[in-house]
Amino acid sequence: MLAAQHGQLRMVELLLDRGASAGTTTADGRSAIFFAAGEGHSEVVRLLLDRGEEANVCDEEGQTPLMYAAMNGRLESVELLLECGASSEIKSRSGWTALMYARNANASEVVKCLEAR
């Protein structure tokens, strides 16, 4: 998860090749893809998706990697997740969608992208 959070693509790949699971989660239900998406490491997001992680996986709060990318203004990760089947219609337990998180963060390019969907 730390390697994903810091965009260490080769390290994430090595760990996955050696048996690490793309879907292993923290106590609050977040897997490596949440950290990679939130930090805008779209190459790592792509790798994790290619290795079996789900685009619409939810943490305990009902948040998705798309929401993490949106709330942090990570346009490239938002676009990639949408391309790979992430739904912009999912609502977190608080009732927020990725678009609402992007608006709250004043991430105008992400807002435009999500509104276009």
PDB file of N, CA and C in Angstrom:
ATOM      1  N   MET A   1       0.821  -1.193   0.000  1.00  0.00           N
ATOM      2  CA  MET A   1       0.000   0.000   0.000  1.00  0.00           C
ATOM      3  C   MET A   1       0.865   1.257   0.000  1.00  0.00           C
ATOM      4  N   LEU A   2       1.950   1.223   0.760  1.00  0.00           N
ATOM      5  CA  LEU A   2       2.863   2.373   0.751  1.00  0.00           C
ATOM      6  C   LEU A   2       3.513   2.554  -0.603  1.00  0.00           C
ATOM      7  N   ALA A   3       3.903   1.463  -1.234  1.00  0.00           N
ATOM      8  CA  ALA A   3       4.501   1.549  -2.566  1.00  0.00           C
ATOM      9  C   ALA A   3       3.498   2.157  -3.545  1.00  0.00           C
ATOM     10  N   ALA A   4       2.246   1.766  -3.467  1.00  0.00           N
ATOM     11  CA  ALA A   4       1.204   2.316  -4.337  1.00  0.00           C
ATOM     12  C   ALA A   4       0.985   3.792  -4.046  1.00  0.00           C
ATOM     13  N   GLN A   5       0.944   4.145  -2.782  1.00  0.00           N
ATOM     14  CA  GLN A   5       0.724   5.531  -2.371  1.00  0.00           C
ATOM     15  C   GLN A   5       1.833   6.442  -2.876  1.00  0.00           C
ATOM     16  N   HIS A   6       3.039   5.917  -2.948  1.00  0.00           N
ATOM     17  CA  HIS A   6       4.188   6.725  -3.368  1.00  0.00           C
ATOM     18  C   HIS A   6       4.520   6.554  -4.846  1.00  0.00           C
ATOM     19  N   GLY A   7       3.656   5.857  -5.582  1.00  0.00           N
ATOM     20  CA  GLY A   7       3.829   5.740  -7.019  1.00  0.00           C
ATOM     21  C   GLY A   7       4.996   4.868  -7.445  1.00  0.00           C
ATOM     22  N   GLN A   8       5.376   3.942  -6.603  1.00  0.00           N
ATOM     23  CA  GLN A   8       6.506   3.051  -6.887  1.00  0.00           C
ATOM     24  C   GLN A   8       6.035   1.872  -7.740  1.00  0.00           C
ATOM     25  N   LEU A   9       5.846   2.133  -9.029  1.00  0.00           N
ATOM     26  CA  LEU A   9       5.278   1.148  -9.947  1.00  0.00           C
ATOM     27  C   LEU A   9       6.059  -0.158  -9.953  1.00  0.00           C
ATOM     28  N   ARG A  10       7.363  -0.087 -10.083  1.00  0.00           N
ATOM     29  CA  ARG A  10       8.169  -1.317 -10.137  1.00  0.00           C
ATOM     30  C   ARG A  10       8.078  -2.113  -8.841  1.00  0.00           C
ATOM     31  N   MET A  11       8.030  -1.433  -7.722  1.00  0.00           N
ATOM     32  CA  MET A  11       7.918  -2.124  -6.438  1.00  0.00           C
ATOM     33  C   MET A  11       6.549  -2.797  -6.309  1.00  0.00           C
ATOM     34  N   VAL A  12       5.494  -2.099  -6.712  1.00  0.00           N
ATOM     35  CA  VAL A  12       4.161  -2.691  -6.661  1.00  0.00           C
ATOM     36  C   VAL A  12       4.119  -3.923  -7.565  1.00  0.00           C
ATOM     37  N   GLU A  13       4.684  -3.801  -8.743  1.00  0.00           N
ATOM     38  CA  GLU A  13       4.718  -4.931  -9.667  1.00  0.00           C
ATOM     39  C   GLU A  13       5.490  -6.115  -9.079  1.00  0.00           C
ATOM     40  N   LEU A  14       6.632  -5.834  -8.476  1.00  0.00           N
ATOM     41  CA  LEU A  14       7.435  -6.884  -7.849  1.00  0.00           C
ATOM     42  C   LEU A  14       6.663  -7.571  -6.728  1.00  0.00           C
ATOM     43  N   LEU A  15       6.023  -6.785  -5.889  1.00  0.00           N
ATOM     44  CA  LEU A  15       5.247  -7.346  -4.787  1.00  0.00           C
ATOM     45  C   LEU A  15       4.102  -8.223  -5.299  1.00  0.00           C
ATOM     46  N   LEU A  16       3.423  -7.762  -6.325  1.00  0.00           N
ATOM     47  CA  LEU A  16       2.340  -8.560  -6.895  1.00  0.00           C
ATOM     48  C   LEU A  16       2.878  -9.845  -7.525  1.00  0.00           C
ATOM     49  N   ASP A  17       4.015  -9.726  -8.203  1.00  0.00           N
ATOM     50  CA  ASP A  17       4.639 -10.913  -8.809  1.00  0.00           C
ATOM     51  C   ASP A  17       5.059 -11.931  -7.753  1.00  0.00           C
ATOM     52  N   ARG A  18       5.349 -11.455  -6.564  1.00  0.00           N
ATOM     53  CA  ARG A  18       5.800 -12.345  -5.481  1.00  0.00           C
ATOM     54  C   ARG A  18       4.663 -12.803  -4.571  1.00  0.00           C
ATOM     55  N   GLY A  19       3.422 -12.537  -4.987  1.00  0.00           N
ATOM     56  CA  GLY A  19       2.297 -13.100  -4.261  1.00  0.00           C
ATOM     57  C   GLY A  19       1.432 -12.140  -3.471  1.00  0.00           C
ATOM     58  N   ALA A  20       1.785 -10.865  -3.420  1.00  0.00           N
ATOM     59  CA  ALA A  20       0.925  -9.899  -2.731  1.00  0.00           C
ATOM     60  C   ALA A  20      -0.406  -9.798  -3.479  1.00  0.00           C
ATOM     61  N   SER A  21      -1.471  -9.575  -2.754  1.00  0.00           N
ATOM     62  CA  SER A  21      -2.794  -9.456  -3.364  1.00  0.00           C
ATOM     63  C   SER A  21      -3.138  -7.990  -3.591  1.00  0.00           C
ATOM     64  N   ALA A  22      -3.630  -7.679  -4.792  1.00  0.00           N
ATOM     65  CA  ALA A  22      -4.045  -6.316  -5.105  1.00  0.00           C
ATOM     66  C   ALA A  22      -5.211  -5.870  -4.223  1.00  0.00           C
ATOM     67  N   GLY A  23      -5.974  -6.829  -3.701  1.00  0.00           N
ATOM     68  CA  GLY A  23      -7.169  -6.500  -2.938  1.00  0.00           C
ATOM     69  C   GLY A  23      -7.034  -6.532  -1.435  1.00  0.00           C
ATOM     70  N   THR A  24      -5.819  -6.730  -0.911  1.00  0.00           N
ATOM     71  CA  THR A  24      -5.627  -6.703   0.540  1.00  0.00           C
ATOM     72  C   THR A  24      -6.021  -5.322   1.071  1.00  0.00           C
ATOM     73  N   THR A  25      -6.735  -5.285   2.205  1.00  0.00           N
ATOM     74  CA  THR A  25      -7.245  -4.005   2.711  1.00  0.00           C
ATOM     75  C   THR A  25      -6.724  -3.660   4.104  1.00  0.00           C
ATOM     76  N   THR A  26      -6.813  -2.379   4.406  1.00  0.00           N
ATOM     77  CA  THR A  26      -6.551  -1.888   5.753  1.00  0.00           C
ATOM     78  C   THR A  26      -7.771  -2.205   6.613  1.00  0.00           C
ATOM     79  N   ALA A  27      -7.700  -1.887   7.874  1.00  0.00           N
ATOM     80  CA  ALA A  27      -8.819  -2.154   8.788  1.00  0.00           C
ATOM     81  C   ALA A  27     -10.091  -1.423   8.362  1.00  0.00           C
ATOM     82  N   ASP A  28      -9.951  -0.290   7.661  1.00  0.00           N
ATOM     83  CA  ASP A  28     -11.136   0.456   7.218  1.00  0.00           C
ATOM     84  C   ASP A  28     -11.525   0.152   5.776  1.00  0.00           C
ATOM     85  N   GLY A  29     -10.973  -0.935   5.237  1.00  0.00           N
ATOM     86  CA  GLY A  29     -11.417  -1.425   3.939  1.00  0.00           C
ATOM     87  C   GLY A  29     -10.768  -0.821   2.723  1.00  0.00           C
ATOM     88  N   ARG A  30      -9.685  -0.085   2.894  1.00  0.00           N
ATOM     89  CA  ARG A  30      -9.012   0.513   1.737  1.00  0.00           C
ATOM     90  C   ARG A  30      -7.875  -0.378   1.259  1.00  0.00           C
ATOM     91  N   SER A  31      -7.823  -0.585  -0.036  1.00  0.00           N
ATOM     92  CA  SER A  31      -6.740  -1.352  -0.648  1.00  0.00           C
ATOM     93  C   SER A  31      -5.778  -0.390  -1.343  1.00  0.00           C
ATOM     94  N   ALA A  32      -4.743  -0.937  -1.932  1.00  0.00           N
ATOM     95  CA  ALA A  32      -3.694  -0.126  -2.555  1.00  0.00           C
ATOM     96  C   ALA A  32      -4.243   0.829  -3.612  1.00  0.00           C
ATOM     97  N   ILE A  33      -5.294   0.424  -4.314  1.00  0.00           N
ATOM     98  CA  ILE A  33      -5.827   1.274  -5.376  1.00  0.00           C
ATOM     99  C   ILE A  33      -6.376   2.602  -4.840  1.00  0.00           C
ATOM    100  N   PHE A  34      -6.879   2.614  -3.626  1.00  0.00           N
ATOM    101  CA  PHE A  34      -7.363   3.860  -3.017  1.00  0.00           C
ATOM    102  C   PHE A  34      -6.207   4.849  -2.849  1.00  0.00           C
ATOM    103  N   PHE A  35      -5.095   4.342  -2.364  1.00  0.00           N
ATOM    104  CA  PHE A  35      -3.933   5.195  -2.114  1.00  0.00           C
ATOM    105  C   PHE A  35      -3.326   5.690  -3.421  1.00  0.00           C
ATOM    106  N   ALA A  36      -3.216   4.803  -4.406  1.00  0.00           N
ATOM    107  CA  ALA A  36      -2.659   5.186  -5.705  1.00  0.00           C
ATOM    108  C   ALA A  36      -3.564   6.205  -6.394  1.00  0.00           C
ATOM    109  N   ALA A  37      -4.869   5.972  -6.391  1.00  0.00           N
ATOM    110  CA  ALA A  37      -5.811   6.888  -7.039  1.00  0.00           C
ATOM    111  C   ALA A  37      -5.820   8.251  -6.357  1.00  0.00           C
ATOM    112  N   GLY A  38      -5.818   8.248  -5.032  1.00  0.00           N
ATOM    113  CA  GLY A  38      -5.843   9.500  -4.285  1.00  0.00           C
ATOM    114  C   GLY A  38      -4.606  10.346  -4.477  1.00  0.00           C
ATOM    115  N   GLU A  39      -3.490   9.705  -4.774  1.00  0.00           N
ATOM    116  CA  GLU A  39      -2.234  10.436  -5.006  1.00  0.00           C
ATOM    117  C   GLU A  39      -1.979  10.698  -6.492  1.00  0.00           C
ATOM    118  N   GLY A  40      -2.853  10.167  -7.345  1.00  0.00           N
ATOM    119  CA  GLY A  40      -2.725  10.427  -8.772  1.00  0.00           C
ATOM    120  C   GLY A  40      -1.701   9.568  -9.492  1.00  0.00           C
ATOM    121  N   HIS A  41      -1.414   8.409  -8.956  1.00  0.00           N
ATOM    122  CA  HIS A  41      -0.450   7.502  -9.589  1.00  0.00           C
ATOM    123  C   HIS A  41      -1.202   6.554 -10.517  1.00  0.00           C
ATOM    124  N   SER A  42      -1.583   7.073 -11.669  1.00  0.00           N
ATOM    125  CA  SER A  42      -2.452   6.313 -12.562  1.00  0.00           C
ATOM    126  C   SER A  42      -1.782   5.066 -13.137  1.00  0.00           C
ATOM    127  N   GLU A  43      -0.457   5.054 -13.269  1.00  0.00           N
ATOM    128  CA  GLU A  43       0.222   3.844 -13.754  1.00  0.00           C
ATOM    129  C   GLU A  43       0.037   2.711 -12.752  1.00  0.00           C
ATOM    130  N   VAL A  44       0.097   3.049 -11.478  1.00  0.00           N
ATOM    131  CA  VAL A  44      -0.108   2.048 -10.423  1.00  0.00           C
ATOM    132  C   VAL A  44      -1.569   1.620 -10.403  1.00  0.00           C
ATOM    133  N   VAL A  45      -2.483   2.564 -10.578  1.00  0.00           N
ATOM    134  CA  VAL A  45      -3.907   2.235 -10.638  1.00  0.00           C
ATOM    135  C   VAL A  45      -4.144   1.239 -11.763  1.00  0.00           C
ATOM    136  N   ARG A  46      -3.584   1.499 -12.936  1.00  0.00           N
ATOM    137  CA  ARG A  46      -3.742   0.598 -14.094  1.00  0.00           C
ATOM    138  C   ARG A  46      -3.207  -0.799 -13.773  1.00  0.00           C
ATOM    139  N   LEU A  47      -2.027  -0.860 -13.172  1.00  0.00           N
ATOM    140  CA  LEU A  47      -1.436  -2.145 -12.819  1.00  0.00           C
ATOM    141  C   LEU A  47      -2.335  -2.918 -11.866  1.00  0.00           C
ATOM    142  N   LEU A  48      -2.840  -2.249 -10.848  1.00  0.00           N
ATOM    143  CA  LEU A  48      -3.701  -2.916  -9.867  1.00  0.00           C
ATOM    144  C   LEU A  48      -4.992  -3.412 -10.514  1.00  0.00           C
ATOM    145  N   LEU A  49      -5.552  -2.637 -11.408  1.00  0.00           N
ATOM    146  CA  LEU A  49      -6.747  -3.076 -12.124  1.00  0.00           C
ATOM    147  C   LEU A  49      -6.427  -4.277 -13.008  1.00  0.00           C
ATOM    148  N   ASP A  50      -5.284  -4.220 -13.681  1.00  0.00           N
ATOM    149  CA  ASP A  50      -4.859  -5.342 -14.535  1.00  0.00           C
ATOM    150  C   ASP A  50      -4.615  -6.612 -13.728  1.00  0.00           C
ATOM    151  N   ARG A  51      -4.268  -6.448 -12.449  1.00  0.00           N
ATOM    152  CA  ARG A  51      -3.972  -7.602 -11.593  1.00  0.00           C
ATOM    153  C   ARG A  51      -5.157  -8.043 -10.747  1.00  0.00           C
ATOM    154  N   GLY A  52      -6.343  -7.548 -11.074  1.00  0.00           N
ATOM    155  CA  GLY A  52      -7.538  -8.096 -10.447  1.00  0.00           C
ATOM    156  C   GLY A  52      -8.296  -7.215  -9.478  1.00  0.00           C
ATOM    157  N   GLU A  53      -7.797  -6.026  -9.187  1.00  0.00           N
ATOM    158  CA  GLU A  53      -8.563  -5.141  -8.297  1.00  0.00           C
ATOM    159  C   GLU A  53      -9.782  -4.631  -9.051  1.00  0.00           C
ATOM    160  N   GLU A  54     -10.860  -4.412  -8.319  1.00  0.00           N
ATOM    161  CA  GLU A  54     -12.108  -3.935  -8.901  1.00  0.00           C
ATOM    162  C   GLU A  54     -12.135  -2.408  -8.931  1.00  0.00           C
ATOM    163  N   ALA A  55     -12.636  -1.849 -10.016  1.00  0.00           N
ATOM    164  CA  ALA A  55     -12.725  -0.386 -10.153  1.00  0.00           C
ATOM    165  C   ALA A  55     -13.733   0.206  -9.179  1.00  0.00           C
ATOM    166  N   ASN A  56     -14.765  -0.566  -8.808  1.00  0.00           N
ATOM    167  CA  ASN A  56     -15.825  -0.045  -7.946  1.00  0.00           C
ATOM    168  C   ASN A  56     -15.768  -0.577  -6.519  1.00  0.00           C
ATOM    169  N   VAL A  57     -14.616  -1.020  -6.084  1.00  0.00           N
ATOM    170  CA  VAL A  57     -14.455  -1.498  -4.718  1.00  0.00           C
ATOM    171  C   VAL A  57     -14.764  -0.356  -3.744  1.00  0.00           C
ATOM    172  N   CYS A  58     -15.391  -0.680  -2.622  1.00  0.00           N
ATOM    173  CA  CYS A  58     -15.762   0.340  -1.628  1.00  0.00           C
ATOM    174  C   CYS A  58     -15.060   0.067  -0.304  1.00  0.00           C
ATOM    175  N   ASP A  59     -14.703   1.138   0.395  1.00  0.00           N
ATOM    176  CA  ASP A  59     -14.173   0.993   1.751  1.00  0.00           C
ATOM    177  C   ASP A  59     -15.337   0.986   2.732  1.00  0.00           C
ATOM    178  N   GLU A  60     -15.051   0.999   4.014  1.00  0.00           N
ATOM    179  CA  GLU A  60     -16.120   0.937   5.024  1.00  0.00           C
ATOM    180  C   GLU A  60     -17.058   2.140   4.990  1.00  0.00           C
ATOM    181  N   GLU A  61     -16.592   3.250   4.449  1.00  0.00           N
ATOM    182  CA  GLU A  61     -17.429   4.446   4.345  1.00  0.00           C
ATOM    183  C   GLU A  61     -18.214   4.481   3.038  1.00  0.00           C
ATOM    184  N   GLY A  62     -18.045   3.424   2.231  1.00  0.00           N
ATOM    185  CA  GLY A  62     -18.733   3.370   0.948  1.00  0.00           C
ATOM    186  C   GLY A  62     -18.048   4.190  -0.128  1.00  0.00           C
ATOM    187  N   GLN A  63     -16.847   4.659   0.160  1.00  0.00           N
ATOM    188  CA  GLN A  63     -16.103   5.450  -0.821  1.00  0.00           C
ATOM    189  C   GLN A  63     -15.347   4.521  -1.770  1.00  0.00           C
ATOM    190  N   THR A  64     -15.159   4.998  -2.989  1.00  0.00           N
ATOM    191  CA  THR A  64     -14.491   4.236  -4.030  1.00  0.00           C
ATOM    192  C   THR A  64     -13.170   4.907  -4.416  1.00  0.00           C
ATOM    193  N   PRO A  65     -12.308   4.203  -5.150  1.00  0.00           N
ATOM    194  CA  PRO A  65     -11.088   4.841  -5.643  1.00  0.00           C
ATOM    195  C   PRO A  65     -11.392   6.081  -6.489  1.00  0.00           C
ATOM    196  N   LEU A  66     -12.489   6.040  -7.248  1.00  0.00           N
ATOM    197  CA  LEU A  66     -12.876   7.212  -8.040  1.00  0.00           C
ATOM    198  C   LEU A  66     -13.139   8.414  -7.136  1.00  0.00           C
ATOM    199  N   MET A  67     -13.777   8.191  -6.019  1.00  0.00           N
ATOM    200  CA  MET A  67     -14.037   9.283  -5.074  1.00  0.00           C
ATOM    201  C   MET A  67     -12.730   9.838  -4.512  1.00  0.00           C
ATOM    202  N   TYR A  68     -11.795   8.947  -4.195  1.00  0.00           N
ATOM    203  CA  TYR A  68     -10.492   9.395  -3.677  1.00  0.00           C
ATOM    204  C   TYR A  68      -9.763  10.235  -4.715  1.00  0.00           C
ATOM    205  N   ALA A  69      -9.791   9.788  -5.961  1.00  0.00           N
ATOM    206  CA  ALA A  69      -9.142  10.551  -7.023  1.00  0.00           C
ATOM    207  C   ALA A  69      -9.840  11.899  -7.210  1.00  0.00           C
ATOM    208  N   ALA A  70     -11.167  11.888  -7.182  1.00  0.00           N
ATOM    209  CA  ALA A  70     -11.942  13.112  -7.388  1.00  0.00           C
ATOM    210  C   ALA A  70     -11.718  14.125  -6.267  1.00  0.00           C
ATOM    211  N   MET A  71     -11.725  13.661  -5.027  1.00  0.00           N
ATOM    212  CA  MET A  71     -11.576  14.593  -3.898  1.00  0.00           C
ATOM    213  C   MET A  71     -10.180  15.195  -3.818  1.00  0.00           C
ATOM    214  N   ASN A  72      -9.229  14.581  -4.527  1.00  0.00           N
ATOM    215  CA  ASN A  72      -7.866  15.088  -4.548  1.00  0.00           C
ATOM    216  C   ASN A  72      -7.500  15.725  -5.887  1.00  0.00           C
ATOM    217  N   GLY A  73      -8.491  15.877  -6.762  1.00  0.00           N
ATOM    218  CA  GLY A  73      -8.273  16.552  -8.036  1.00  0.00           C
ATOM    219  C   GLY A  73      -7.343  15.813  -8.984  1.00  0.00           C
ATOM    220  N   ARG A  74      -7.348  14.507  -8.943  1.00  0.00           N
ATOM    221  CA  ARG A  74      -6.444  13.683  -9.757  1.00  0.00           C
ATOM    222  C   ARG A  74      -7.122  13.301 -11.068  1.00  0.00           C
ATOM    223  N   LEU A  75      -7.109  14.226 -12.022  1.00  0.00           N
ATOM    224  CA  LEU A  75      -7.837  14.061 -13.276  1.00  0.00           C
ATOM    225  C   LEU A  75      -7.433  12.801 -14.034  1.00  0.00           C
ATOM    226  N   GLU A  76      -6.160  12.533 -14.180  1.00  0.00           N
ATOM    227  CA  GLU A  76      -5.719  11.372 -14.946  1.00  0.00           C
ATOM    228  C   GLU A  76      -6.234  10.071 -14.322  1.00  0.00           C
ATOM    229  N   SER A  77      -6.187   9.995 -13.009  1.00  0.00           N
ATOM    230  CA  SER A  77      -6.706   8.796 -12.334  1.00  0.00           C
ATOM    231  C   SER A  77      -8.217   8.693 -12.481  1.00  0.00           C
ATOM    232  N   VAL A  78      -8.910   9.816 -12.412  1.00  0.00           N
ATOM    233  CA  VAL A  78     -10.364   9.823 -12.618  1.00  0.00           C
ATOM    234  C   VAL A  78     -10.687   9.297 -14.009  1.00  0.00           C
ATOM    235  N   GLU A  79     -10.008   9.822 -15.021  1.00  0.00           N
ATOM    236  CA  GLU A  79     -10.264   9.396 -16.395  1.00  0.00           C
ATOM    237  C   GLU A  79      -9.988   7.902 -16.575  1.00  0.00           C
ATOM    238  N   LEU A  80      -8.884   7.427 -16.027  1.00  0.00           N
ATOM    239  CA  LEU A  80      -8.530   6.016 -16.138  1.00  0.00           C
ATOM    240  C   LEU A  80      -9.575   5.130 -15.460  1.00  0.00           C
ATOM    241  N   LEU A  81      -9.958   5.482 -14.254  1.00  0.00           N
ATOM    242  CA  LEU A  81     -10.947   4.684 -13.535  1.00  0.00           C
ATOM    243  C   LEU A  81     -12.277   4.636 -14.292  1.00  0.00           C
ATOM    244  N   LEU A  82     -12.687   5.756 -14.843  1.00  0.00           N
ATOM    245  CA  LEU A  82     -13.929   5.775 -15.625  1.00  0.00           C
ATOM    246  C   LEU A  82     -13.801   4.885 -16.861  1.00  0.00           C
ATOM    247  N   GLU A  83     -12.654   4.956 -17.537  1.00  0.00           N
ATOM    248  CA  GLU A  83     -12.401   4.087 -18.697  1.00  0.00           C
ATOM    249  C   GLU A  83     -12.492   2.616 -18.333  1.00  0.00           C
ATOM    250  N   CYS A  84     -12.084   2.300 -17.123  1.00  0.00           N
ATOM    251  CA  CYS A  84     -12.030   0.904 -16.674  1.00  0.00           C
ATOM    252  C   CYS A  84     -13.292   0.454 -15.956  1.00  0.00           C
ATOM    253  N   GLY A  85     -14.350   1.234 -16.065  1.00  0.00           N
ATOM    254  CA  GLY A  85     -15.643   0.800 -15.555  1.00  0.00           C
ATOM    255  C   GLY A  85     -16.074   1.350 -14.213  1.00  0.00           C
ATOM    256  N   ALA A  86     -15.319   2.269 -13.650  1.00  0.00           N
ATOM    257  CA  ALA A  86     -15.741   2.864 -12.380  1.00  0.00           C
ATOM    258  C   ALA A  86     -17.036   3.648 -12.594  1.00  0.00           C
ATOM    259  N   SER A  87     -17.947   3.524 -11.659  1.00  0.00           N
ATOM    260  CA  SER A  87     -19.228   4.215 -11.750  1.00  0.00           C
ATOM    261  C   SER A  87     -19.174   5.538 -10.994  1.00  0.00           C
ATOM    262  N   SER A  88     -19.596   6.584 -11.669  1.00  0.00           N
ATOM    263  CA  SER A  88     -19.669   7.893 -11.015  1.00  0.00           C
ATOM    264  C   SER A  88     -20.985   8.065 -10.262  1.00  0.00           C
ATOM    265  N   GLU A  89     -21.846   7.070 -10.336  1.00  0.00           N
ATOM    266  CA  GLU A  89     -23.163   7.140  -9.694  1.00  0.00           C
ATOM    267  C   GLU A  89     -23.185   6.552  -8.286  1.00  0.00           C
ATOM    268  N   ILE A  90     -22.137   5.834  -7.906  1.00  0.00           N
ATOM    269  CA  ILE A  90     -22.101   5.241  -6.566  1.00  0.00           C
ATOM    270  C   ILE A  90     -22.080   6.350  -5.527  1.00  0.00           C
ATOM    271  N   LYS A  91     -22.833   6.136  -4.454  1.00  0.00           N
ATOM    272  CA  LYS A  91     -22.862   7.100  -3.350  1.00  0.00           C
ATOM    273  C   LYS A  91     -22.200   6.477  -2.129  1.00  0.00           C
ATOM    274  N   SER A  92     -21.420   7.300  -1.434  1.00  0.00           N
ATOM    275  CA  SER A  92     -20.804   6.859  -0.183  1.00  0.00           C
ATOM    276  C   SER A  92     -21.886   6.779   0.887  1.00  0.00           C
ATOM    277  N   ARG A  93     -21.531   6.292   2.046  1.00  0.00           N
ATOM    278  CA  ARG A  93     -22.516   6.212   3.146  1.00  0.00           C
ATOM    279  C   ARG A  93     -23.046   7.580   3.529  1.00  0.00           C
ATOM    280  N   SER A  94     -22.264   8.620   3.276  1.00  0.00           N
ATOM    281  CA  SER A  94     -22.726   9.979   3.570  1.00  0.00           C
ATOM    282  C   SER A  94     -23.584  10.543   2.442  1.00  0.00           C
ATOM    283  N   GLY A  95     -23.782   9.742   1.372  1.00  0.00           N
ATOM    284  CA  GLY A  95     -24.640  10.164   0.276  1.00  0.00           C
ATOM    285  C   GLY A  95     -23.951  10.960  -0.813  1.00  0.00           C
ATOM    286  N   TRP A  96     -22.636  10.999  -0.783  1.00  0.00           N
ATOM    287  CA  TRP A  96     -21.888  11.786  -1.762  1.00  0.00           C
ATOM    288  C   TRP A  96     -21.426  10.916  -2.926  1.00  0.00           C
ATOM    289  N   THR A  97     -21.436  11.512  -4.124  1.00  0.00           N
ATOM    290  CA  THR A  97     -20.879  10.881  -5.314  1.00  0.00           C
ATOM    291  C   THR A  97     -19.481  11.457  -5.568  1.00  0.00           C
ATOM    292  N   ALA A  98     -18.779  10.877  -6.521  1.00  0.00           N
ATOM    293  CA  ALA A  98     -17.455  11.397  -6.889  1.00  0.00           C
ATOM    294  C   ALA A  98     -17.553  12.856  -7.328  1.00  0.00           C
ATOM    295  N   LEU A  99     -18.604  13.191  -8.057  1.00  0.00           N
ATOM    296  CA  LEU A  99     -18.796  14.575  -8.502  1.00  0.00           C
ATOM    297  C   LEU A  99     -18.943  15.519  -7.317  1.00  0.00           C
ATOM    298  N   MET A 100     -19.660  15.112  -6.321  1.00  0.00           N
ATOM    299  CA  MET A 100     -19.838  15.958  -5.129  1.00  0.00           C
ATOM    300  C   MET A 100     -18.500  16.172  -4.417  1.00  0.00           C
ATOM    301  N   TYR A 101     -17.688  15.111  -4.322  1.00  0.00           N
ATOM    302  CA  TYR A 101     -16.364  15.258  -3.709  1.00  0.00           C
ATOM    303  C   TYR A 101     -15.492  16.211  -4.521  1.00  0.00           C
ATOM    304  N   ALA A 102     -15.553  16.095  -5.841  1.00  0.00           N
ATOM    305  CA  ALA A 102     -14.750  16.975  -6.703  1.00  0.00           C
ATOM    306  C   ALA A 102     -15.186  18.429  -6.554  1.00  0.00           C
ATOM    307  N   ARG A 103     -16.493  18.657  -6.514  1.00  0.00           N
ATOM    308  CA  ARG A 103     -16.989  20.030  -6.325  1.00  0.00           C
ATOM    309  C   ARG A 103     -16.538  20.586  -4.981  1.00  0.00           C
ATOM    310  N   ASN A 104     -16.640  19.774  -3.947  1.00  0.00           N
ATOM    311  CA  ASN A 104     -16.229  20.206  -2.611  1.00  0.00           C
ATOM    312  C   ASN A 104     -14.752  20.581  -2.565  1.00  0.00           C
ATOM    313  N   ALA A 105     -13.944  19.896  -3.371  1.00  0.00           N
ATOM    314  CA  ALA A 105     -12.499  20.153  -3.410  1.00  0.00           C
ATOM    315  C   ALA A 105     -12.128  21.243  -4.408  1.00  0.00           C
ATOM    316  N   ASN A 106     -13.119  21.834  -5.078  1.00  0.00           N
ATOM    317  CA  ASN A 106     -12.864  22.841  -6.106  1.00  0.00           C
ATOM    318  C   ASN A 106     -11.927  22.315  -7.196  1.00  0.00           C
ATOM    319  N   ALA A 107     -12.101  21.044  -7.541  1.00  0.00           N
ATOM    320  CA  ALA A 107     -11.293  20.414  -8.582  1.00  0.00           C
ATOM    321  C   ALA A 107     -12.028  20.571  -9.913  1.00  0.00           C
ATOM    322  N   SER A 108     -11.906  21.749 -10.520  1.00  0.00           N
ATOM    323  CA  SER A 108     -12.740  22.115 -11.669  1.00  0.00           C
ATOM    324  C   SER A 108     -12.562  21.191 -12.871  1.00  0.00           C
ATOM    325  N   GLU A 109     -11.362  20.740 -13.154  1.00  0.00           N
ATOM    326  CA  GLU A 109     -11.159  19.854 -14.312  1.00  0.00           C
ATOM    327  C   GLU A 109     -11.819  18.485 -14.063  1.00  0.00           C
ATOM    328  N   VAL A 110     -11.739  18.016 -12.846  1.00  0.00           N
ATOM    329  CA  VAL A 110     -12.380  16.744 -12.489  1.00  0.00           C
ATOM    330  C   VAL A 110     -13.899  16.905 -12.550  1.00  0.00           C
ATOM    331  N   VAL A 111     -14.401  18.025 -12.071  1.00  0.00           N
ATOM    332  CA  VAL A 111     -15.840  18.297 -12.133  1.00  0.00           C
ATOM    333  C   VAL A 111     -16.298  18.255 -13.594  1.00  0.00           C
ATOM    334  N   LYS A 112     -15.575  18.918 -14.482  1.00  0.00           N
ATOM    335  CA  LYS A 112     -15.943  18.923 -15.902  1.00  0.00           C
ATOM    336  C   LYS A 112     -15.952  17.504 -16.466  1.00  0.00           C
ATOM    337  N   CYS A 113     -14.952  16.740 -16.134  1.00  0.00           N
ATOM    338  CA  CYS A 113     -14.844  15.360 -16.609  1.00  0.00           C
ATOM    339  C   CYS A 113     -16.033  14.530 -16.133  1.00  0.00           C
ATOM    340  N   LEU A 114     -16.355  14.610 -14.856  1.00  0.00           N
ATOM    341  CA  LEU A 114     -17.444  13.830 -14.296  1.00  0.00           C
ATOM    342  C   LEU A 114     -18.800  14.305 -14.808  1.00  0.00           C
ATOM    343  N   GLU A 115     -18.968  15.601 -15.004  1.00  0.00           N
ATOM    344  CA  GLU A 115     -20.224  16.114 -15.545  1.00  0.00           C
ATOM    345  C   GLU A 115     -20.434  15.649 -16.981  1.00  0.00           C
ATOM    346  N   ALA A 116     -19.355  15.498 -17.713  1.00  0.00           N
ATOM    347  CA  ALA A 116     -19.445  15.039 -19.107  1.00  0.00           C
ATOM    348  C   ALA A 116     -19.888  13.585 -19.191  1.00  0.00           C
ATOM    349  N   ARG A 117     -19.718  12.845 -18.111  1.00  0.00           N
ATOM    350  CA  ARG A 117     -20.134  11.432 -18.082  1.00  0.00           C
ATOM    351  C   ARG A 117     -21.599  11.375 -17.791  1.00  0.00           C
TER     352      ARG A 117
END
